[in-house]
C-alpha atoms as a PDB file:
ATOM      1  CA  MET A   1      81.606 106.709 108.986  1.00  0.00           C
ATOM      2  CA  VAL A   2      85.125 107.242 109.247  1.00  0.00           C
ATOM      3  CA  SER A   3      86.582 109.223 111.724  1.00  0.00           C
ATOM      4  CA  ARG A   4      89.482 111.382 111.479  1.00  0.00           C
ATOM      5  CA  GLU A   5      91.879 108.344 113.479  1.00  0.00           C
ATOM      6  CA  ASP A   6      91.585 106.337 110.255  1.00  0.00           C
ATOM      7  CA  ILE A   7      92.701 109.135 107.344  1.00  0.00           C
ATOM      8  CA  LEU A   8      95.689 110.560 109.732  1.00  0.00           C
ATOM      9  CA  ILE A   9      96.434 107.016 109.402  1.00  0.00           C
ATOM     10  CA  LEU A  10      95.774 106.243 106.198  1.00  0.00           C
ATOM     11  CA  GLY A  11      97.921 109.003 105.388  1.00  0.00           C
ATOM     12  CA  LEU A  12     100.828 107.937 107.677  1.00  0.00           C
ATOM     13  CA  SER A  13     100.586 104.526 106.227  1.00  0.00           C
ATOM     14  CA  ALA A  14     100.145 105.852 102.486  1.00  0.00           C
ATOM     15  CA  GLY A  15     103.072 107.990 102.741  1.00  0.00           C
ATOM     16  CA  VAL A  16     105.656 105.276 104.631  1.00  0.00           C
ATOM     17  CA  VAL A  17     104.138 102.238 102.075  1.00  0.00           C
ATOM     18  CA  GLY A  18     104.587 104.744  99.499  1.00  0.00           C
ATOM     19  CA  SER A  19     107.916 106.157  99.851  1.00  0.00           C
ATOM     20  CA  LEU A  20     109.804 102.457 100.902  1.00  0.00           C
ATOM     21  CA  VAL A  21     108.529 100.629  98.131  1.00  0.00           C
ATOM     22  CA  GLY A  22     108.996 103.994  95.016  1.00  0.00           C
ATOM     23  CA  GLY A  23     112.364 104.310  97.031  1.00  0.00           C
ATOM     24  CA  LEU A  24     113.737 100.658  97.028  1.00  0.00           C
ATOM     25  CA  MET A  25     112.669 100.101  93.193  1.00  0.00           C
ATOM     26  CA  LEU A  26     114.234 103.602  92.103  1.00  0.00           C
ATOM     27  CA  GLY A  27     117.213 102.526  94.215  1.00  0.00           C
ATOM     28  CA  ILE A  28     117.633  99.560  92.983  1.00  0.00           C
ATOM     29  CA  GLY A  29     116.579 100.114  88.624  1.00  0.00           C
ATOM     30  CA  LEU A  30     119.242 103.114  89.353  1.00  0.00           C
ATOM     31  CA  GLY A  31     121.925 100.343  90.473  1.00  0.00           C
ATOM     32  CA  LEU A  32     120.863  98.314  87.648  1.00  0.00           C
ATOM     33  CA  VAL A  33     121.390 100.861  85.001  1.00  0.00           C
ATOM     34  CA  VAL A  34     124.732 102.702  86.544  1.00  0.00           C
ATOM     35  CA  ASN A  35     126.151  98.722  86.061  1.00  0.00           C
ATOM     36  CA  ASN A  36     125.218  98.823  82.565  1.00  0.00           C
ATOM     37  CA  VAL A  37     122.525  96.378  83.030  1.00  0.00           C
ATOM     38  CA  HIS A  38     119.156  98.042  80.872  1.00  0.00           C
ATOM     39  CA  ALA A  39     116.849  95.819  82.213  1.00  0.00           C
ATOM     40  CA  GLY A  40     116.897  98.327  85.483  1.00  0.00           C
ATOM     41  CA  TRP A  41     114.769 100.440  83.337  1.00  0.00           C
ATOM     42  CA  VAL A  42     111.486  98.025  84.085  1.00  0.00           C
ATOM     43  CA  LEU A  43     112.506  99.194  87.988  1.00  0.00           C
ATOM     44  CA  VAL A  44     113.111 102.554  87.167  1.00  0.00           C
ATOM     45  CA  LEU A  45     110.284 103.869  84.814  1.00  0.00           C
ATOM     46  CA  PRO A  46     107.186 103.080  87.219  1.00  0.00           C
ATOM     47  CA  ALA A  47     108.730 103.438  90.499  1.00  0.00           C
ATOM     48  CA  ALA A  48     106.579 106.396  91.062  1.00  0.00           C
ATOM     49  CA  PRO A  49     103.511 105.501  89.920  1.00  0.00           C
ATOM     50  CA  VAL A  50     103.494 102.360  91.712  1.00  0.00           C
ATOM     51  CA  ALA A  51     103.919 104.113  94.662  1.00  0.00           C
ATOM     52  CA  GLY A  52     101.037 106.350  94.256  1.00  0.00           C
ATOM     53  CA  LEU A  53      99.196 102.591  93.100  1.00  0.00           C
ATOM     54  CA  LEU A  54      99.601 101.287  96.582  1.00  0.00           C
ATOM     55  CA  GLY A  55      98.115 104.951  98.518  1.00  0.00           C
ATOM     56  CA  TYR A  56      95.472 103.871  96.271  1.00  0.00           C
ATOM     57  CA  VAL A  57      95.101 100.675  97.332  1.00  0.00           C
ATOM     58  CA  LEU A  58      94.519 102.202 101.052  1.00  0.00           C
ATOM     59  CA  ALA A  59      92.527 104.614 100.140  1.00  0.00           C
ATOM     60  CA  ARG A  60      89.941 102.220  99.195  1.00  0.00           C
ATOM     61  CA  LYS A  61      90.592  99.911 102.263  1.00  0.00           C
ATOM     62  CA  VAL A  62      89.245 102.925 104.161  1.00  0.00           C
ATOM     63  CA  ALA A  63      86.550 104.664 101.770  1.00  0.00           C
ATOM     64  CA  ALA A  64      85.129 100.643 101.976  1.00  0.00           C
ATOM     65  CA  LYS A  65      84.158 101.248 105.556  1.00  0.00           C
ATOM     66  CA  LEU A  66      81.582 104.033 104.717  1.00  0.00           C
END
């Protein structure tokens, strides 16, 4: 059975990990694009979906406890 503690930890860890990964991808990618390195778009465009995917993976891990 998943407890409230597990759900709280899931939310906190998904938020922190998602924002760190997405923010780093966005920051590095925009830094590259501003300096005329157009390969930076490869990091900018998937930044948000990758951050959300990490939260989904963590949620699946908690759901596996059921």
